[in-house]
Amino acid sequence: EINDALWKRLEKKEVTREYIIANRFKDTFEFFGIYYSAEMGIEEEYFNSLSFQYPLIQGAEAVCRALSENYDLYIITNGTKKIQDSRMAGCGLLPYFKGVFISQELGVNKPAKEYFDKVFEAVTKLSGPFDKSEVLVVGDSVSSDIKGAVNAELDGCWYNPAGKALPKNFDELTERSEFSGRKLYEISRLEELLAK
């Protein structure tokens, strides 16, 4: 919860990525009343372990393979470059994607419109001009992925396998989306993307 709250603050431009890395374990240890020192190397251990964990969501490989036959797929992430590069290399899905856009490299985070502007610029260089009305952002975070889609005036699809209640701000996002003519979807299984 502490780590998640810090990443949400990053999305709001309240903290930097460096702040998260320097404070997530310190704040967690302090919360539990446990001694913490950066010299303990916990952040480095976590960072290295996370780089080699890439459990796939059920159906991910088949869905990515099927979609890539008809659509250009790209990965957009607020993750850290070292971790994302390692995960993408190890998970086996990279051949289905034409590009990976990591906020750390772009210098701006989702849900900022500027993040998507940089992605659009890069995609245009990679694949040529495209129609934004044919783009769908799929993600598991309403605050970063879906809000980012709305900010960039794109359709969005919230992947919600746990059946979580809609966040209180979802109605606001939907209203903004309807105003701009965009659509917002919700799915609980990746296979539903093949029917959309």
N, C-alpha and C. Protein backbone atom coordinates (compact mmCIF):
# COMPACT_ATOMS: atom_id res chain seq x y z
N GLU A 1 0.83 -1.20 0.00
CA GLU A 1 0.00 0.00 0.00
C GLU A 1 0.87 1.26 0.00
N ILE A 2 1.95 1.24 0.74
CA ILE A 2 2.85 2.39 0.78
C ILE A 2 3.50 2.62 -0.58
N ASN A 3 3.99 1.55 -1.19
CA ASN A 3 4.60 1.64 -2.52
C ASN A 3 3.58 2.12 -3.54
N ASP A 4 2.38 1.54 -3.52
CA ASP A 4 1.33 1.91 -4.46
C ASP A 4 0.97 3.39 -4.31
N ALA A 5 0.86 3.86 -3.07
CA ALA A 5 0.54 5.27 -2.82
C ALA A 5 1.63 6.19 -3.38
N LEU A 6 2.88 5.77 -3.27
CA LEU A 6 3.98 6.58 -3.82
C LEU A 6 3.90 6.66 -5.35
N TRP A 7 3.57 5.53 -6.00
CA TRP A 7 3.45 5.54 -7.46
C TRP A 7 2.28 6.42 -7.89
N LYS A 8 1.20 6.42 -7.12
CA LYS A 8 0.07 7.29 -7.45
C LYS A 8 0.48 8.76 -7.31
N ARG A 9 1.34 9.06 -6.33
CA ARG A 9 1.84 10.43 -6.18
C ARG A 9 2.73 10.81 -7.37
N LEU A 10 3.46 9.83 -7.90
CA LEU A 10 4.27 10.08 -9.09
C LEU A 10 3.38 10.47 -10.26
N GLU A 11 2.26 9.75 -10.41
CA GLU A 11 1.32 10.05 -11.50
C GLU A 11 0.79 11.47 -11.39
N LYS A 12 0.69 11.99 -10.18
CA LYS A 12 0.19 13.35 -9.95
C LYS A 12 1.32 14.38 -9.95
N LYS A 13 2.55 13.93 -10.25
CA LYS A 13 3.73 14.79 -10.29
C LYS A 13 4.07 15.37 -8.92
N GLU A 14 3.72 14.67 -7.85
CA GLU A 14 4.01 15.13 -6.50
C GLU A 14 5.39 14.67 -6.03
N VAL A 15 5.88 13.56 -6.59
CA VAL A 15 7.20 13.04 -6.24
C VAL A 15 7.89 12.57 -7.52
N THR A 16 9.18 12.30 -7.41
CA THR A 16 9.95 11.77 -8.53
C THR A 16 10.15 10.26 -8.36
N ARG A 17 10.57 9.61 -9.42
CA ARG A 17 10.91 8.19 -9.37
C ARG A 17 12.03 7.95 -8.36
N GLU A 18 13.00 8.86 -8.33
CA GLU A 18 14.11 8.74 -7.39
C GLU A 18 13.61 8.82 -5.95
N TYR A 19 12.61 9.65 -5.70
CA TYR A 19 12.04 9.76 -4.36
C TYR A 19 11.40 8.43 -3.94
N ILE A 20 10.69 7.80 -4.87
CA ILE A 20 10.05 6.51 -4.57
C ILE A 20 11.12 5.49 -4.19
N ILE A 21 12.14 5.39 -5.01
CA ILE A 21 13.19 4.40 -4.78
C ILE A 21 13.90 4.65 -3.45
N ALA A 22 14.09 5.91 -3.10
CA ALA A 22 14.78 6.23 -1.85
C ALA A 22 13.91 6.05 -0.61
N ASN A 23 12.57 6.06 -0.79
CA ASN A 23 11.70 6.13 0.39
C ASN A 23 10.73 4.97 0.59
N ARG A 24 10.48 4.14 -0.43
CA ARG A 24 9.42 3.14 -0.24
C ARG A 24 9.74 2.15 0.87
N PHE A 25 10.98 1.68 0.95
CA PHE A 25 11.31 0.74 2.03
C PHE A 25 11.51 1.46 3.36
N LYS A 26 12.09 2.64 3.30
CA LYS A 26 12.26 3.43 4.53
C LYS A 26 10.89 3.68 5.17
N ASP A 27 9.91 4.13 4.37
CA ASP A 27 8.57 4.41 4.89
C ASP A 27 7.89 3.14 5.41
N THR A 28 8.07 2.03 4.70
CA THR A 28 7.46 0.76 5.10
C THR A 28 8.05 0.27 6.42
N PHE A 29 9.37 0.30 6.52
CA PHE A 29 10.01 -0.14 7.76
C PHE A 29 9.61 0.75 8.93
N GLU A 30 9.56 2.06 8.69
CA GLU A 30 9.14 2.99 9.75
C GLU A 30 7.72 2.70 10.19
N PHE A 31 6.84 2.39 9.24
CA PHE A 31 5.45 2.09 9.57
C PHE A 31 5.36 0.91 10.54
N PHE A 32 6.20 -0.09 10.32
CA PHE A 32 6.18 -1.28 11.18
C PHE A 32 7.12 -1.17 12.37
N GLY A 33 7.79 -0.02 12.50
CA GLY A 33 8.67 0.17 13.63
C GLY A 33 9.94 -0.66 13.56
N ILE A 34 10.41 -0.91 12.35
CA ILE A 34 11.61 -1.73 12.13
C ILE A 34 12.75 -0.81 11.70
N TYR A 35 13.92 -1.06 12.23
CA TYR A 35 15.10 -0.27 11.87
C TYR A 35 15.36 -0.40 10.37
N TYR A 36 15.70 0.72 9.74
CA TYR A 36 16.03 0.71 8.31
C TYR A 36 17.22 1.61 8.04
N SER A 37 18.08 1.16 7.15
CA SER A 37 19.18 1.97 6.67
C SER A 37 19.39 1.63 5.19
N ALA A 38 19.65 2.63 4.39
CA ALA A 38 19.89 2.40 2.96
C ALA A 38 21.05 1.44 2.73
N GLU A 39 21.99 1.42 3.67
CA GLU A 39 23.15 0.54 3.54
C GLU A 39 22.76 -0.95 3.62
N MET A 40 21.56 -1.23 4.07
CA MET A 40 21.11 -2.63 4.17
C MET A 40 20.97 -3.26 2.78
N GLY A 41 20.82 -2.44 1.74
CA GLY A 41 20.74 -2.95 0.36
C GLY A 41 19.41 -3.57 0.00
N ILE A 42 18.38 -3.28 0.77
CA ILE A 42 17.06 -3.90 0.52
C ILE A 42 16.49 -3.45 -0.82
N GLU A 43 16.62 -2.16 -1.13
CA GLU A 43 16.09 -1.65 -2.40
C GLU A 43 16.78 -2.35 -3.58
N GLU A 44 18.09 -2.51 -3.51
CA GLU A 44 18.82 -3.18 -4.59
C GLU A 44 18.39 -4.64 -4.74
N GLU A 45 18.23 -5.31 -3.60
CA GLU A 45 17.79 -6.71 -3.62
C GLU A 45 16.41 -6.84 -4.25
N TYR A 46 15.50 -5.95 -3.84
CA TYR A 46 14.14 -5.94 -4.39
C TYR A 46 14.18 -5.67 -5.89
N PHE A 47 14.95 -4.67 -6.27
CA PHE A 47 15.08 -4.26 -7.67
C PHE A 47 15.56 -5.42 -8.52
N ASN A 48 16.60 -6.11 -8.05
CA ASN A 48 17.15 -7.25 -8.80
C ASN A 48 16.16 -8.40 -8.87
N SER A 49 15.48 -8.70 -7.78
CA SER A 49 14.50 -9.79 -7.77
C SER A 49 13.34 -9.48 -8.71
N LEU A 50 12.86 -8.25 -8.66
CA LEU A 50 11.71 -7.85 -9.48
C LEU A 50 12.04 -7.96 -10.97
N SER A 51 13.29 -7.72 -11.32
CA SER A 51 13.70 -7.77 -12.73
C SER A 51 13.52 -9.15 -13.34
N PHE A 52 13.52 -10.19 -12.50
CA PHE A 52 13.44 -11.56 -13.03
C PHE A 52 12.13 -12.23 -12.69
N GLN A 53 11.11 -11.43 -12.39
CA GLN A 53 9.78 -11.97 -12.16
C GLN A 53 8.87 -11.47 -13.28
N TYR A 54 8.33 -12.39 -14.03
CA TYR A 54 7.44 -12.00 -15.12
C TYR A 54 6.34 -13.05 -15.31
N PRO A 55 5.53 -13.24 -14.27
CA PRO A 55 4.41 -14.17 -14.42
C PRO A 55 3.41 -13.60 -15.43
N LEU A 56 2.98 -14.43 -16.35
CA LEU A 56 2.04 -13.98 -17.37
C LEU A 56 0.61 -14.16 -16.89
N ILE A 57 -0.22 -13.22 -17.26
CA ILE A 57 -1.65 -13.32 -17.02
C ILE A 57 -2.17 -14.43 -17.93
N GLN A 58 -3.12 -15.19 -17.40
CA GLN A 58 -3.70 -16.29 -18.19
C GLN A 58 -4.22 -15.76 -19.53
N GLY A 59 -3.81 -16.40 -20.59
CA GLY A 59 -4.26 -16.03 -21.93
C GLY A 59 -3.44 -14.93 -22.59
N ALA A 60 -2.48 -14.35 -21.89
CA ALA A 60 -1.73 -13.20 -22.42
C ALA A 60 -1.03 -13.52 -23.73
N GLU A 61 -0.33 -14.64 -23.78
CA GLU A 61 0.43 -14.97 -24.99
C GLU A 61 -0.51 -15.16 -26.19
N ALA A 62 -1.58 -15.91 -26.01
CA ALA A 62 -2.51 -16.16 -27.11
C ALA A 62 -3.20 -14.87 -27.57
N VAL A 63 -3.57 -14.02 -26.62
CA VAL A 63 -4.24 -12.77 -26.97
C VAL A 63 -3.27 -11.84 -27.71
N CYS A 64 -2.05 -11.72 -27.21
CA CYS A 64 -1.07 -10.86 -27.88
C CYS A 64 -0.76 -11.38 -29.28
N ARG A 65 -0.62 -12.69 -29.41
CA ARG A 65 -0.35 -13.28 -30.73
C ARG A 65 -1.49 -12.96 -31.69
N ALA A 66 -2.73 -13.19 -31.25
CA ALA A 66 -3.89 -12.96 -32.12
C ALA A 66 -4.03 -11.48 -32.48
N LEU A 67 -3.89 -10.61 -31.52
CA LEU A 67 -4.03 -9.18 -31.80
C LEU A 67 -2.93 -8.67 -32.73
N SER A 68 -1.71 -9.19 -32.55
CA SER A 68 -0.59 -8.71 -33.36
C SER A 68 -0.74 -9.07 -34.83
N GLU A 69 -1.60 -10.02 -35.14
CA GLU A 69 -1.82 -10.40 -36.54
C GLU A 69 -2.60 -9.32 -37.30
N ASN A 70 -3.36 -8.49 -36.56
CA ASN A 70 -4.19 -7.47 -37.20
C ASN A 70 -3.91 -6.04 -36.74
N TYR A 71 -3.17 -5.90 -35.65
CA TYR A 71 -2.95 -4.57 -35.08
C TYR A 71 -1.48 -4.39 -34.70
N ASP A 72 -1.05 -3.14 -34.67
CA ASP A 72 0.27 -2.81 -34.14
C ASP A 72 0.13 -2.66 -32.64
N LEU A 73 0.91 -3.42 -31.89
CA LEU A 73 0.85 -3.38 -30.43
C LEU A 73 2.09 -2.69 -29.87
N TYR A 74 1.87 -1.90 -28.83
CA TYR A 74 2.95 -1.20 -28.16
C TYR A 74 2.75 -1.31 -26.66
N ILE A 75 3.83 -1.28 -25.93
CA ILE A 75 3.77 -1.32 -24.47
C ILE A 75 4.05 0.09 -23.96
N ILE A 76 3.17 0.55 -23.06
CA ILE A 76 3.40 1.83 -22.38
C ILE A 76 3.46 1.54 -20.89
N THR A 77 4.50 2.03 -20.23
CA THR A 77 4.69 1.70 -18.83
C THR A 77 5.37 2.82 -18.06
N ASN A 78 4.97 2.95 -16.81
CA ASN A 78 5.64 3.87 -15.89
C ASN A 78 6.76 3.16 -15.14
N GLY A 79 7.01 1.93 -15.49
CA GLY A 79 8.03 1.16 -14.79
C GLY A 79 9.44 1.69 -15.00
N THR A 80 10.37 1.07 -14.32
CA THR A 80 11.78 1.42 -14.40
C THR A 80 12.42 0.67 -15.56
N LYS A 81 13.27 1.34 -16.31
CA LYS A 81 13.86 0.75 -17.53
C LYS A 81 14.52 -0.60 -17.28
N LYS A 82 15.39 -0.69 -16.28
CA LYS A 82 16.11 -1.94 -16.04
C LYS A 82 15.14 -3.09 -15.79
N ILE A 83 14.14 -2.85 -14.98
CA ILE A 83 13.16 -3.90 -14.66
C ILE A 83 12.34 -4.26 -15.89
N GLN A 84 11.83 -3.25 -16.59
CA GLN A 84 10.98 -3.53 -17.75
C GLN A 84 11.75 -4.22 -18.86
N ASP A 85 12.99 -3.81 -19.11
CA ASP A 85 13.79 -4.47 -20.15
C ASP A 85 13.98 -5.95 -19.83
N SER A 86 14.30 -6.25 -18.57
CA SER A 86 14.52 -7.63 -18.15
C SER A 86 13.23 -8.44 -18.24
N ARG A 87 12.14 -7.87 -17.78
CA ARG A 87 10.86 -8.58 -17.82
C ARG A 87 10.41 -8.87 -19.25
N MET A 88 10.54 -7.87 -20.11
CA MET A 88 10.11 -8.07 -21.50
C MET A 88 10.98 -9.11 -22.20
N ALA A 89 12.27 -9.10 -21.91
CA ALA A 89 13.16 -10.10 -22.52
C ALA A 89 12.82 -11.50 -22.03
N GLY A 90 12.39 -11.63 -20.78
CA GLY A 90 12.15 -12.95 -20.21
C GLY A 90 10.76 -13.51 -20.38
N CYS A 91 9.76 -12.66 -20.59
CA CYS A 91 8.38 -13.15 -20.59
C CYS A 91 7.95 -13.79 -21.91
N GLY A 92 8.68 -13.53 -22.98
CA GLY A 92 8.36 -14.15 -24.26
C GLY A 92 7.34 -13.40 -25.10
N LEU A 93 6.87 -12.24 -24.67
CA LEU A 93 5.84 -11.51 -25.41
C LEU A 93 6.41 -10.45 -26.35
N LEU A 94 7.67 -10.11 -26.19
CA LEU A 94 8.25 -9.01 -26.95
C LEU A 94 8.07 -9.13 -28.47
N PRO A 95 8.13 -10.32 -29.06
CA PRO A 95 7.95 -10.40 -30.52
C PRO A 95 6.60 -9.89 -31.02
N TYR A 96 5.61 -9.79 -30.14
CA TYR A 96 4.28 -9.34 -30.56
C TYR A 96 4.14 -7.82 -30.56
N PHE A 97 5.13 -7.12 -30.02
CA PHE A 97 5.04 -5.67 -29.86
C PHE A 97 6.03 -4.96 -30.77
N LYS A 98 5.58 -3.83 -31.33
CA LYS A 98 6.43 -3.05 -32.23
C LYS A 98 7.31 -2.07 -31.48
N GLY A 99 6.98 -1.81 -30.20
CA GLY A 99 7.78 -0.87 -29.43
C GLY A 99 7.40 -0.90 -27.96
N VAL A 100 8.33 -0.47 -27.13
CA VAL A 100 8.12 -0.38 -25.68
C VAL A 100 8.47 1.05 -25.27
N PHE A 101 7.56 1.71 -24.59
CA PHE A 101 7.76 3.10 -24.19
C PHE A 101 7.73 3.20 -22.67
N ILE A 102 8.91 3.42 -22.11
CA ILE A 102 9.10 3.44 -20.66
C ILE A 102 9.22 4.90 -20.22
N SER A 103 8.38 5.28 -19.27
CA SER A 103 8.34 6.68 -18.84
C SER A 103 9.71 7.19 -18.39
N GLN A 104 10.50 6.34 -17.78
CA GLN A 104 11.83 6.77 -17.33
C GLN A 104 12.66 7.26 -18.51
N GLU A 105 12.53 6.63 -19.66
CA GLU A 105 13.27 7.05 -20.85
C GLU A 105 12.65 8.29 -21.50
N LEU A 106 11.31 8.38 -21.43
CA LEU A 106 10.63 9.50 -22.07
C LEU A 106 10.70 10.77 -21.24
N GLY A 107 10.98 10.63 -19.95
CA GLY A 107 11.11 11.80 -19.08
C GLY A 107 9.80 12.36 -18.58
N VAL A 108 8.71 11.63 -18.78
CA VAL A 108 7.39 12.05 -18.30
C VAL A 108 6.57 10.78 -18.07
N ASN A 109 5.66 10.83 -17.10
CA ASN A 109 4.89 9.64 -16.71
C ASN A 109 3.44 9.68 -17.18
N LYS A 110 2.86 8.48 -17.36
CA LYS A 110 1.41 8.40 -17.51
C LYS A 110 0.82 8.90 -16.19
N PRO A 111 -0.28 9.57 -16.17
CA PRO A 111 -1.26 9.79 -17.24
C PRO A 111 -1.08 11.10 -18.00
N ALA A 112 0.06 11.74 -17.91
CA ALA A 112 0.26 13.05 -18.54
C ALA A 112 0.08 12.96 -20.05
N LYS A 113 -0.61 13.93 -20.60
CA LYS A 113 -0.80 14.00 -22.05
C LYS A 113 0.56 14.04 -22.76
N GLU A 114 1.55 14.70 -22.12
CA GLU A 114 2.89 14.81 -22.72
C GLU A 114 3.54 13.45 -22.93
N TYR A 115 3.25 12.50 -22.01
CA TYR A 115 3.77 11.13 -22.17
C TYR A 115 3.25 10.56 -23.49
N PHE A 116 1.94 10.66 -23.69
CA PHE A 116 1.32 10.09 -24.89
C PHE A 116 1.77 10.84 -26.15
N ASP A 117 1.97 12.15 -26.04
CA ASP A 117 2.48 12.91 -27.19
C ASP A 117 3.83 12.36 -27.63
N LYS A 118 4.69 12.04 -26.67
CA LYS A 118 6.01 11.48 -27.00
C LYS A 118 5.87 10.08 -27.61
N VAL A 119 4.93 9.30 -27.09
CA VAL A 119 4.68 7.97 -27.66
C VAL A 119 4.17 8.11 -29.09
N PHE A 120 3.23 9.02 -29.32
CA PHE A 120 2.69 9.23 -30.68
C PHE A 120 3.81 9.60 -31.65
N GLU A 121 4.67 10.49 -31.21
CA GLU A 121 5.79 10.91 -32.06
C GLU A 121 6.68 9.72 -32.41
N ALA A 122 6.99 8.89 -31.42
CA ALA A 122 7.85 7.72 -31.66
C ALA A 122 7.15 6.69 -32.54
N VAL A 123 5.86 6.46 -32.30
CA VAL A 123 5.11 5.49 -33.11
C VAL A 123 5.05 5.95 -34.56
N THR A 124 4.86 7.23 -34.77
CA THR A 124 4.82 7.76 -36.14
C THR A 124 6.15 7.52 -36.85
N LYS A 125 7.25 7.67 -36.12
CA LYS A 125 8.57 7.40 -36.72
C LYS A 125 8.75 5.92 -37.02
N LEU A 126 8.23 5.06 -36.12
CA LEU A 126 8.37 3.61 -36.30
C LEU A 126 7.46 3.06 -37.39
N SER A 127 6.20 3.50 -37.39
CA SER A 127 5.20 2.85 -38.24
C SER A 127 4.47 3.78 -39.19
N GLY A 128 4.76 5.05 -39.15
CA GLY A 128 4.08 6.00 -40.01
C GLY A 128 2.86 6.60 -39.33
N PRO A 129 2.18 7.51 -40.02
CA PRO A 129 1.02 8.18 -39.44
C PRO A 129 -0.08 7.18 -39.07
N PHE A 130 -0.85 7.54 -38.06
CA PHE A 130 -1.94 6.68 -37.61
C PHE A 130 -3.11 7.54 -37.17
N ASP A 131 -4.26 6.93 -37.08
CA ASP A 131 -5.49 7.61 -36.67
C ASP A 131 -5.73 7.34 -35.19
N LYS A 132 -5.73 8.39 -34.37
CA LYS A 132 -5.91 8.22 -32.93
C LYS A 132 -7.26 7.57 -32.59
N SER A 133 -8.23 7.68 -33.48
CA SER A 133 -9.54 7.07 -33.19
C SER A 133 -9.46 5.55 -33.28
N GLU A 134 -8.35 5.02 -33.80
CA GLU A 134 -8.19 3.57 -33.90
C GLU A 134 -7.26 3.02 -32.82
N VAL A 135 -6.94 3.84 -31.82
CA VAL A 135 -6.05 3.44 -30.74
C VAL A 135 -6.87 3.08 -29.51
N LEU A 136 -6.49 1.98 -28.86
CA LEU A 136 -7.12 1.57 -27.61
C LEU A 136 -6.02 1.35 -26.57
N VAL A 137 -6.11 2.06 -25.45
CA VAL A 137 -5.18 1.88 -24.33
C VAL A 137 -5.79 0.84 -23.40
N VAL A 138 -5.06 -0.24 -23.16
CA VAL A 138 -5.52 -1.29 -22.25
C VAL A 138 -4.60 -1.28 -21.04
N GLY A 139 -5.18 -1.21 -19.85
CA GLY A 139 -4.35 -1.20 -18.66
C GLY A 139 -5.13 -1.53 -17.41
N ASP A 140 -4.38 -1.85 -16.35
CA ASP A 140 -5.02 -2.26 -15.10
C ASP A 140 -5.12 -1.12 -14.09
N SER A 141 -4.67 0.06 -14.47
CA SER A 141 -4.71 1.21 -13.55
C SER A 141 -5.63 2.30 -14.10
N VAL A 142 -6.68 2.59 -13.36
CA VAL A 142 -7.57 3.68 -13.77
C VAL A 142 -6.83 5.00 -13.70
N SER A 143 -6.02 5.18 -12.64
CA SER A 143 -5.37 6.48 -12.41
C SER A 143 -4.25 6.76 -13.40
N SER A 144 -3.63 5.73 -13.97
CA SER A 144 -2.55 5.99 -14.92
C SER A 144 -2.95 5.64 -16.35
N ASP A 145 -3.46 4.44 -16.58
CA ASP A 145 -3.79 4.01 -17.93
C ASP A 145 -5.06 4.65 -18.47
N ILE A 146 -6.15 4.53 -17.73
CA ILE A 146 -7.43 5.02 -18.23
C ILE A 146 -7.46 6.55 -18.21
N LYS A 147 -6.99 7.15 -17.12
CA LYS A 147 -6.92 8.61 -17.10
C LYS A 147 -5.98 9.10 -18.19
N GLY A 148 -4.90 8.38 -18.44
CA GLY A 148 -3.99 8.74 -19.51
C GLY A 148 -4.66 8.69 -20.87
N ALA A 149 -5.46 7.65 -21.08
CA ALA A 149 -6.20 7.54 -22.35
C ALA A 149 -7.13 8.74 -22.53
N VAL A 150 -7.83 9.10 -21.46
CA VAL A 150 -8.74 10.25 -21.54
C VAL A 150 -7.95 11.52 -21.81
N ASN A 151 -6.83 11.71 -21.10
CA ASN A 151 -6.00 12.91 -21.30
C ASN A 151 -5.51 13.01 -22.74
N ALA A 152 -5.23 11.86 -23.35
CA ALA A 152 -4.71 11.84 -24.72
C ALA A 152 -5.82 11.72 -25.76
N GLU A 153 -7.08 11.73 -25.29
CA GLU A 153 -8.26 11.61 -26.16
C GLU A 153 -8.25 10.31 -26.96
N LEU A 154 -7.99 9.21 -26.23
CA LEU A 154 -8.00 7.88 -26.81
C LEU A 154 -9.06 7.03 -26.12
N ASP A 155 -9.50 5.97 -26.79
CA ASP A 155 -10.36 5.00 -26.13
C ASP A 155 -9.54 4.26 -25.08
N GLY A 156 -10.19 3.86 -24.00
CA GLY A 156 -9.49 3.15 -22.93
C GLY A 156 -10.23 1.90 -22.51
N CYS A 157 -9.48 0.90 -22.07
CA CYS A 157 -10.06 -0.36 -21.61
C CYS A 157 -9.40 -0.74 -20.29
N TRP A 158 -10.20 -0.75 -19.24
CA TRP A 158 -9.71 -1.09 -17.90
C TRP A 158 -9.74 -2.60 -17.72
N TYR A 159 -8.57 -3.20 -17.54
CA TYR A 159 -8.47 -4.63 -17.25
C TYR A 159 -8.65 -4.79 -15.74
N ASN A 160 -9.79 -5.38 -15.35
CA ASN A 160 -10.19 -5.45 -13.95
C ASN A 160 -10.57 -6.89 -13.58
N PRO A 161 -9.57 -7.79 -13.50
CA PRO A 161 -9.88 -9.20 -13.24
C PRO A 161 -10.45 -9.47 -11.86
N ALA A 162 -10.16 -8.61 -10.90
CA ALA A 162 -10.65 -8.83 -9.53
C ALA A 162 -12.06 -8.29 -9.33
N GLY A 163 -12.61 -7.65 -10.34
CA GLY A 163 -13.96 -7.10 -10.22
C GLY A 163 -14.05 -5.98 -9.20
N LYS A 164 -13.01 -5.17 -9.12
CA LYS A 164 -13.00 -4.05 -8.18
C LYS A 164 -14.12 -3.07 -8.53
N ALA A 165 -14.59 -2.36 -7.51
CA ALA A 165 -15.58 -1.32 -7.76
C ALA A 165 -14.93 -0.20 -8.54
N LEU A 166 -15.72 0.44 -9.35
CA LEU A 166 -15.19 1.58 -10.10
C LEU A 166 -14.73 2.67 -9.15
N PRO A 167 -13.57 3.23 -9.39
CA PRO A 167 -13.12 4.35 -8.55
C PRO A 167 -14.11 5.50 -8.60
N LYS A 168 -14.12 6.30 -7.56
CA LYS A 168 -15.07 7.41 -7.48
C LYS A 168 -14.92 8.37 -8.65
N ASN A 169 -13.70 8.50 -9.18
CA ASN A 169 -13.49 9.46 -10.27
C ASN A 169 -13.80 8.87 -11.65
N PHE A 170 -14.26 7.61 -11.71
CA PHE A 170 -14.50 6.99 -13.01
C PHE A 170 -15.61 7.71 -13.77
N ASP A 171 -16.66 8.13 -13.05
CA ASP A 171 -17.75 8.86 -13.70
C ASP A 171 -17.24 10.14 -14.34
N GLU A 172 -16.35 10.83 -13.62
CA GLU A 172 -15.76 12.06 -14.16
C GLU A 172 -14.99 11.75 -15.44
N LEU A 173 -14.23 10.65 -15.42
CA LEU A 173 -13.47 10.27 -16.62
C LEU A 173 -14.41 9.93 -17.76
N THR A 174 -15.49 9.21 -17.45
CA THR A 174 -16.45 8.81 -18.47
C THR A 174 -17.09 10.04 -19.09
N GLU A 175 -17.45 11.00 -18.25
CA GLU A 175 -18.06 12.24 -18.77
C GLU A 175 -17.08 12.96 -19.69
N ARG A 176 -15.82 13.06 -19.27
CA ARG A 176 -14.82 13.72 -20.12
C ARG A 176 -14.65 12.94 -21.41
N SER A 177 -14.68 11.62 -21.31
CA SER A 177 -14.50 10.78 -22.48
C SER A 177 -15.66 10.96 -23.45
N GLU A 178 -16.88 10.97 -22.91
CA GLU A 178 -18.05 11.14 -23.79
C GLU A 178 -18.01 12.50 -24.47
N PHE A 179 -17.53 13.51 -23.73
CA PHE A 179 -17.44 14.85 -24.29
C PHE A 179 -16.51 14.85 -25.49
N SER A 180 -15.42 14.11 -25.41
CA SER A 180 -14.45 14.09 -26.51
C SER A 180 -14.75 13.01 -27.54
N GLY A 181 -15.83 12.28 -27.32
CA GLY A 181 -16.21 11.25 -28.27
C GLY A 181 -15.48 9.94 -28.10
N ARG A 182 -14.71 9.79 -27.04
CA ARG A 182 -13.98 8.55 -26.80
C ARG A 182 -14.83 7.58 -26.00
N LYS A 183 -14.43 6.32 -26.00
CA LYS A 183 -15.16 5.28 -25.28
C LYS A 183 -14.28 4.65 -24.22
N LEU A 184 -14.89 4.25 -23.12
CA LEU A 184 -14.19 3.53 -22.06
C LEU A 184 -14.85 2.18 -21.87
N TYR A 185 -14.04 1.14 -21.80
CA TYR A 185 -14.52 -0.22 -21.62
C TYR A 185 -13.96 -0.80 -20.33
N GLU A 186 -14.54 -1.90 -19.93
CA GLU A 186 -14.02 -2.64 -18.77
C GLU A 186 -14.09 -4.12 -19.12
N ILE A 187 -12.99 -4.85 -18.86
CA ILE A 187 -12.96 -6.29 -19.09
C ILE A 187 -12.41 -6.98 -17.85
N SER A 188 -12.75 -8.25 -17.69
CA SER A 188 -12.22 -9.02 -16.57
C SER A 188 -11.27 -10.12 -17.05
N ARG A 189 -11.31 -10.43 -18.36
CA ARG A 189 -10.41 -11.43 -18.95
C ARG A 189 -9.81 -10.85 -20.21
N LEU A 190 -8.52 -11.11 -20.44
CA LEU A 190 -7.86 -10.56 -21.63
C LEU A 190 -8.52 -11.03 -22.92
N GLU A 191 -9.07 -12.24 -22.91
CA GLU A 191 -9.70 -12.77 -24.12
C GLU A 191 -10.84 -11.88 -24.62
N GLU A 192 -11.42 -11.10 -23.73
CA GLU A 192 -12.50 -10.20 -24.14
C GLU A 192 -12.01 -9.16 -25.15
N LEU A 193 -10.73 -8.89 -25.19
CA LEU A 193 -10.19 -7.94 -26.16
C LEU A 193 -10.40 -8.42 -27.59
N LEU A 194 -10.46 -9.72 -27.76
CA LEU A 194 -10.63 -10.27 -29.11
C LEU A 194 -12.02 -10.07 -29.64
N ALA A 195 -12.98 -9.77 -28.76
CA ALA A 195 -14.36 -9.56 -29.16
C ALA A 195 -14.71 -8.09 -29.27
N LYS A 196 -13.79 -7.20 -28.84
CA LYS A 196 -14.10 -5.76 -28.83
C LYS A 196 -13.84 -5.14 -30.18
